[in-house]
Amino acid sequence: MIKNLEDLFPAVLKRPKRTLIVVSANDTHSVEAAGKAVGSDLVNAVLIGDENVIGVICSELHFDITLFRVIHQPDERLAAALAVQMIRQKEGDILMKGLISTDKFIKAILDKEKGLLEPGNILSHVTVIQNPNYYKFMIVSDVAVLPLPDLGQKIQLVRYMVKTANTLGIDLPKVAVIAPSEQVLIQLESSKDAALLSKMGQRGQITGCIIDGPLALDIAIDKEAAAVKGISGEVAGDADCLLFPNLDAGNVFYKTNMKLAKAESAAMLVGAQVPVVLTSRGDSTLTKQYSIALASLVS
């Protein structure tokens, strides 16, 4: 079982090396992340973008440009289309966003004729958080893509988190469906959905995990809080996965962990043919390394 994000690196090195394709690799952040991943022998990397700009960045970072396969395509829309085409042709295993607007990047992935979305899937975001105040990983969704997932989408989000947990060596993850209260409040959609998901788990409609909800956040991750409130069960106080009711809640939770708790994370988009690394320019280089390693393990 992988218990620390640092353990992702040796785990990746035990597997056949994957190929990372970076779309519009015209910024220092993307080139640095890809270069360090290549230098650590985690992946091979293809950089699609303005070759002259990439050359200048490599020089500034003291990278040998021959570390990469560089494809000159300065137009970000065409760069995204080319990257998606290469993935479809099995020339790459992981996609990564560079200096391209998120909407253009995702539009290429979701293209109905030439994109990468698997039939019946949704594109979503899974984050693995390592918080010094919690004794194990928190796998959370969705903090970046789906504004207000409906019940059907939440079922898929659970499956994506469970698959990620399995990759990390957690065979039967405990999933907490987060809501403001552990009481079923019929006026709150989040509470009703949580109750339905929990019942679906009990009836075997959601498999591969132990799922419970609605659970307030403190009950999901704090055994003492669960005991004080009289909430028992296998998930209470010991959750591996946290399913948030909407993007507002998930994103605030994620950024609170990063900025106030000095947590580290690895994140990726899932649901497409390959995992997609979608990091922020505000993320640390180490976070980007962790994200590339996680995507490599999942691919």
Protein backbone atom coordinates (compact mmCIF):
# COMPACT_ATOMS: atom_id res chain seq x y z
CA MET A 1 0.00 0.00 0.00
CA ILE A 2 1.19 3.50 -0.86
CA LYS A 3 0.93 5.55 2.34
CA ASN A 4 2.83 8.71 1.40
CA LEU A 5 2.93 10.72 -1.80
CA GLU A 6 6.71 10.25 -1.87
CA ASP A 7 6.07 6.53 -2.31
CA LEU A 8 4.47 7.20 -5.69
CA PHE A 9 7.89 7.64 -7.25
CA PRO A 10 9.37 4.19 -6.50
CA ALA A 11 6.01 2.62 -7.39
CA VAL A 12 6.10 4.28 -10.83
CA LEU A 13 9.69 3.15 -11.42
CA LYS A 14 8.58 -0.49 -11.09
CA ARG A 15 6.24 -0.14 -14.06
CA PRO A 16 6.88 0.28 -17.81
CA LYS A 17 7.59 3.93 -18.50
CA ARG A 18 4.63 5.98 -19.72
CA THR A 19 4.69 8.87 -22.18
CA LEU A 20 3.44 12.29 -21.10
CA ILE A 21 2.14 14.73 -23.72
CA VAL A 22 2.09 18.39 -22.65
CA VAL A 23 -0.25 20.70 -24.57
CA SER A 24 1.08 24.22 -25.21
CA ALA A 25 4.25 23.70 -23.19
CA ASN A 26 5.11 27.38 -23.50
CA ASP A 27 5.46 28.15 -19.80
CA THR A 28 8.16 27.57 -17.23
CA HIS A 29 5.87 25.67 -14.87
CA SER A 30 4.95 22.97 -17.39
CA VAL A 31 8.43 22.51 -18.80
CA GLU A 32 9.95 22.35 -15.32
CA ALA A 33 7.44 19.71 -14.17
CA ALA A 34 7.93 17.62 -17.29
CA GLY A 35 11.71 18.00 -17.17
CA LYS A 36 11.97 16.90 -13.57
CA ALA A 37 9.68 13.94 -14.25
CA VAL A 38 11.86 12.91 -17.18
CA GLY A 39 15.02 13.50 -15.16
CA SER A 40 13.68 11.26 -12.40
CA ASP A 41 12.98 8.57 -15.01
CA LEU A 42 9.24 8.67 -14.26
CA VAL A 43 8.07 9.30 -17.84
CA ASN A 44 9.06 10.13 -21.36
CA ALA A 45 7.70 13.51 -22.45
CA VAL A 46 6.45 15.14 -25.62
CA LEU A 47 6.17 18.93 -25.54
CA ILE A 48 3.80 20.49 -28.06
CA GLY A 49 4.08 24.25 -28.42
CA ASP A 50 6.26 27.02 -29.75
CA GLU A 51 9.65 25.40 -30.25
CA ASN A 52 11.53 28.69 -29.87
CA VAL A 53 9.80 29.51 -26.58
CA ILE A 54 10.38 25.99 -25.30
CA GLY A 55 14.05 26.26 -26.21
CA VAL A 56 14.44 29.52 -24.26
CA ILE A 57 12.68 28.02 -21.21
CA CYS A 58 14.88 24.93 -21.31
CA SER A 59 17.95 27.13 -21.43
CA GLU A 60 16.75 29.17 -18.45
CA LEU A 61 16.04 25.98 -16.47
CA HIS A 62 19.35 24.41 -17.55
CA PHE A 63 17.52 21.51 -19.19
CA ASP A 64 18.90 19.79 -22.25
CA ILE A 65 16.06 20.15 -24.76
CA THR A 66 16.90 16.70 -26.11
CA LEU A 67 15.31 15.32 -22.93
CA PHE A 68 12.03 15.84 -24.77
CA ARG A 69 10.43 15.23 -28.10
CA VAL A 70 9.40 18.74 -29.12
CA ILE A 71 6.65 19.31 -31.70
CA HIS A 72 6.31 22.83 -33.03
CA GLN A 73 2.67 23.92 -32.94
CA PRO A 74 2.27 27.43 -31.50
CA ASP A 75 -1.52 27.57 -31.98
CA GLU A 76 -3.02 26.29 -28.70
CA ARG A 77 -6.21 25.00 -30.31
CA LEU A 78 -4.27 23.00 -32.89
CA ALA A 79 -1.81 21.85 -30.21
CA ALA A 80 -4.68 20.41 -28.16
CA ALA A 81 -6.18 18.68 -31.19
CA LEU A 82 -2.79 17.19 -32.07
CA ALA A 83 -2.22 15.93 -28.54
CA VAL A 84 -5.64 14.28 -28.44
CA GLN A 85 -4.99 12.68 -31.82
CA MET A 86 -1.65 11.30 -30.57
CA ILE A 87 -3.38 9.82 -27.51
CA ARG A 88 -5.99 8.16 -29.75
CA GLN A 89 -3.17 6.74 -31.87
CA LYS A 90 -1.52 5.28 -28.74
CA GLU A 91 1.49 7.61 -28.96
CA GLY A 92 0.99 8.81 -25.38
CA ASP A 93 -0.40 7.59 -22.07
CA ILE A 94 -0.94 10.80 -20.07
CA LEU A 95 -2.14 14.23 -21.13
CA MET A 96 -1.08 17.43 -19.36
CA LYS A 97 -2.29 21.00 -19.66
CA GLY A 98 0.33 23.64 -20.32
CA LEU A 99 -0.20 27.32 -21.19
CA ILE A 100 -3.60 26.84 -22.78
CA SER A 101 -6.95 28.06 -21.52
CA THR A 102 -8.78 25.35 -19.61
CA ASP A 103 -11.92 25.63 -21.73
CA LYS A 104 -10.01 25.03 -24.99
CA PHE A 105 -8.08 22.17 -23.41
CA ILE A 106 -11.19 20.41 -22.12
CA LYS A 107 -13.12 21.13 -25.32
CA ALA A 108 -10.55 19.08 -27.25
CA ILE A 109 -10.90 16.20 -24.80
CA LEU A 110 -14.71 16.30 -24.99
CA ASP A 111 -14.95 16.60 -28.79
CA LYS A 112 -17.70 14.14 -29.73
CA GLU A 113 -15.97 12.89 -32.88
CA LYS A 114 -12.26 13.22 -32.12
CA GLY A 115 -12.09 13.49 -28.34
CA LEU A 116 -11.11 11.16 -25.53
CA LEU A 117 -14.23 10.78 -23.38
CA GLU A 118 -15.18 7.13 -22.96
CA PRO A 119 -18.84 6.31 -23.81
CA GLY A 120 -21.07 6.72 -20.76
CA ASN A 121 -18.36 8.46 -18.76
CA ILE A 122 -18.18 11.96 -17.37
CA LEU A 123 -15.02 14.02 -17.03
CA SER A 124 -14.23 14.63 -13.40
CA HIS A 125 -11.43 15.52 -11.01
CA VAL A 126 -9.91 13.35 -8.30
CA THR A 127 -7.43 14.70 -5.76
CA VAL A 128 -5.30 12.75 -3.30
CA ILE A 129 -4.51 14.91 -0.28
CA GLN A 130 -1.81 14.21 2.28
CA ASN A 131 -2.61 16.37 5.30
CA PRO A 132 -0.19 16.26 8.27
CA ASN A 133 -3.21 16.31 10.60
CA TYR A 134 -4.82 13.16 9.20
CA TYR A 135 -3.14 9.81 9.47
CA LYS A 136 -3.78 8.64 5.91
CA PHE A 137 -4.70 9.89 2.46
CA MET A 138 -7.93 11.74 1.80
CA ILE A 139 -9.15 11.05 -1.73
CA VAL A 140 -11.63 13.77 -2.67
CA SER A 141 -13.94 14.69 -5.53
CA ASP A 142 -14.91 16.92 -7.25
CA VAL A 143 -12.92 20.09 -6.53
CA ALA A 144 -12.34 21.46 -10.02
CA VAL A 145 -14.74 20.40 -12.79
CA LEU A 146 -18.37 19.57 -11.98
CA PRO A 147 -20.22 22.53 -10.43
CA LEU A 148 -23.25 20.64 -9.17
CA PRO A 149 -23.16 16.86 -9.84
CA ASP A 150 -26.50 15.07 -9.88
CA LEU A 151 -27.08 11.67 -8.30
CA GLY A 152 -26.01 9.73 -11.39
CA GLN A 153 -22.80 11.75 -11.67
CA LYS A 154 -22.09 11.24 -7.97
CA ILE A 155 -22.25 7.48 -8.51
CA GLN A 156 -19.53 7.85 -11.16
CA LEU A 157 -17.48 10.10 -8.88
CA VAL A 158 -17.56 7.39 -6.22
CA ARG A 159 -16.35 4.85 -8.77
CA TYR A 160 -13.51 7.12 -9.86
CA MET A 161 -12.39 7.64 -6.26
CA VAL A 162 -12.60 3.91 -5.55
CA LYS A 163 -10.45 3.13 -8.60
CA THR A 164 -7.87 5.69 -7.46
CA ALA A 165 -7.89 4.21 -3.96
CA ASN A 166 -7.36 0.74 -5.42
CA THR A 167 -4.36 2.05 -7.36
CA LEU A 168 -2.89 3.24 -4.06
CA GLY A 169 -3.40 -0.21 -2.55
CA ILE A 170 -6.63 0.43 -0.64
CA ASP A 171 -8.72 -2.62 -1.49
CA LEU A 172 -12.00 -1.62 0.16
CA PRO A 173 -12.01 2.16 0.63
CA LYS A 174 -14.36 3.85 3.06
CA VAL A 175 -16.38 6.56 1.30
CA ALA A 176 -18.02 9.39 3.23
CA VAL A 177 -20.73 11.33 1.41
CA ILE A 178 -20.39 14.81 2.86
CA ALA A 179 -23.34 17.01 3.83
CA PRO A 180 -23.85 19.73 6.48
CA SER A 181 -25.27 17.26 9.00
CA GLU A 182 -25.39 13.57 9.72
CA GLN A 183 -29.17 13.91 9.93
CA VAL A 184 -31.14 13.34 6.73
CA LEU A 185 -32.50 16.81 5.98
CA ILE A 186 -35.12 16.53 3.26
CA GLN A 187 -34.80 20.20 2.31
CA LEU A 188 -31.16 19.68 1.28
CA GLU A 189 -30.36 17.92 -2.00
CA SER A 190 -26.91 16.99 -0.70
CA SER A 191 -28.44 15.21 2.28
CA LYS A 192 -31.01 13.30 0.24
CA ASP A 193 -28.42 12.22 -2.35
CA ALA A 194 -26.11 11.07 0.44
CA ALA A 195 -28.83 8.92 1.97
CA LEU A 196 -29.64 7.38 -1.42
CA LEU A 197 -25.98 6.62 -2.15
CA SER A 198 -25.61 5.00 1.26
CA LYS A 199 -28.67 2.82 0.66
CA MET A 200 -27.38 1.89 -2.80
CA GLY A 201 -24.18 0.73 -1.15
CA GLN A 202 -26.12 -1.40 1.29
CA ARG A 203 -28.12 -2.96 -1.55
CA GLY A 204 -25.05 -3.76 -3.65
CA GLN A 205 -25.76 -1.18 -6.36
CA ILE A 206 -22.49 0.55 -5.53
CA THR A 207 -19.69 -1.95 -5.03
CA GLY A 208 -16.00 -2.03 -4.18
CA CYS A 209 -16.29 0.24 -1.16
CA ILE A 210 -18.03 0.89 2.14
CA ILE A 211 -20.14 4.01 1.69
CA ASP A 212 -22.01 6.00 4.30
CA GLY A 213 -23.84 9.31 4.38
CA PRO A 214 -24.90 11.88 4.98
CA LEU A 215 -21.90 12.61 7.17
CA ALA A 216 -20.71 16.01 8.32
CA LEU A 217 -17.02 16.53 7.61
CA ASP A 218 -15.97 16.33 11.25
CA ILE A 219 -17.70 12.98 11.67
CA ALA A 220 -16.11 11.62 8.50
CA ILE A 221 -12.51 12.25 9.59
CA ASP A 222 -12.57 12.56 13.39
CA LYS A 223 -13.30 9.49 15.52
CA GLU A 224 -13.77 11.63 18.63
CA ALA A 225 -16.39 13.80 16.91
CA ALA A 226 -18.19 10.70 15.68
CA ALA A 227 -18.18 9.19 19.17
CA VAL A 228 -19.43 12.40 20.80
CA LYS A 229 -22.31 12.58 18.33
CA GLY A 230 -23.06 8.88 18.70
CA ILE A 231 -22.38 8.03 15.06
CA SER A 232 -21.03 4.52 14.56
CA GLY A 233 -20.14 2.51 11.49
CA GLU A 234 -16.98 1.67 9.60
CA VAL A 235 -16.71 4.99 7.76
CA ALA A 236 -17.28 7.44 10.63
CA GLY A 237 -13.97 8.96 11.72
CA ASP A 238 -11.98 6.81 9.30
CA ALA A 239 -12.91 7.86 5.74
CA ASP A 240 -10.54 7.24 2.84
CA CYS A 241 -12.68 9.06 0.27
CA LEU A 242 -14.74 12.23 0.62
CA LEU A 243 -17.50 12.93 -1.88
CA PHE A 244 -18.46 16.60 -1.76
CA PRO A 245 -21.93 17.79 -2.78
CA ASN A 246 -20.73 20.51 -5.14
CA LEU A 247 -17.73 22.36 -6.50
CA ASP A 248 -18.04 25.17 -3.96
CA ALA A 249 -17.59 22.83 -1.00
CA GLY A 250 -14.91 20.67 -2.61
CA ASN A 251 -12.79 23.54 -3.87
CA VAL A 252 -12.84 25.38 -0.53
CA PHE A 253 -11.88 22.16 1.27
CA TYR A 254 -8.99 21.57 -1.14
CA LYS A 255 -7.58 25.09 -0.92
CA THR A 256 -7.96 25.18 2.86
CA ASN A 257 -5.86 22.03 3.05
CA MET A 258 -3.21 23.43 0.73
CA LYS A 259 -2.91 26.92 2.18
CA LEU A 260 -3.70 26.61 5.89
CA ALA A 261 -2.76 23.02 6.67
CA LYS A 262 0.32 22.93 4.38
CA ALA A 263 -0.92 19.70 2.86
CA GLU A 264 0.46 18.20 -0.34
CA SER A 265 -1.58 16.66 -3.11
CA ALA A 266 -1.70 14.83 -6.40
CA ALA A 267 -4.58 15.41 -8.78
CA MET A 268 -5.88 14.37 -12.18
CA LEU A 269 -8.87 14.44 -14.48
CA VAL A 270 -10.44 11.03 -14.97
CA GLY A 271 -13.12 9.60 -17.25
CA ALA A 272 -11.17 10.08 -20.49
CA GLN A 273 -9.20 7.37 -22.26
CA VAL A 274 -6.11 8.43 -20.32
CA PRO A 275 -5.57 10.34 -17.08
CA VAL A 276 -5.12 14.08 -17.51
CA VAL A 277 -2.85 16.25 -15.37
CA LEU A 278 -4.53 19.60 -14.83
CA THR A 279 -2.51 21.60 -12.34
CA SER A 280 -2.65 25.25 -11.37
CA ARG A 281 0.23 27.66 -11.88
CA GLY A 282 -0.03 28.19 -8.13
CA ASP A 283 0.73 24.54 -7.42
CA SER A 284 4.22 23.65 -6.27
CA THR A 285 6.59 21.80 -8.55
CA LEU A 286 6.39 18.88 -6.13
CA THR A 287 2.59 18.79 -6.44
CA LYS A 288 2.95 18.62 -10.20
CA GLN A 289 5.48 15.80 -9.84
CA TYR A 290 3.11 13.90 -7.58
CA SER A 291 0.28 14.44 -10.07
CA ILE A 292 2.33 13.10 -12.97
CA ALA A 293 3.35 10.07 -10.89
CA LEU A 294 -0.27 9.38 -9.87
CA ALA A 295 -1.44 9.64 -13.47
CA SER A 296 1.35 7.29 -14.52
CA LEU A 297 0.22 4.69 -11.98
CA VAL A 298 -3.41 4.95 -13.06
CA SER A 299 -2.70 4.82 -16.80
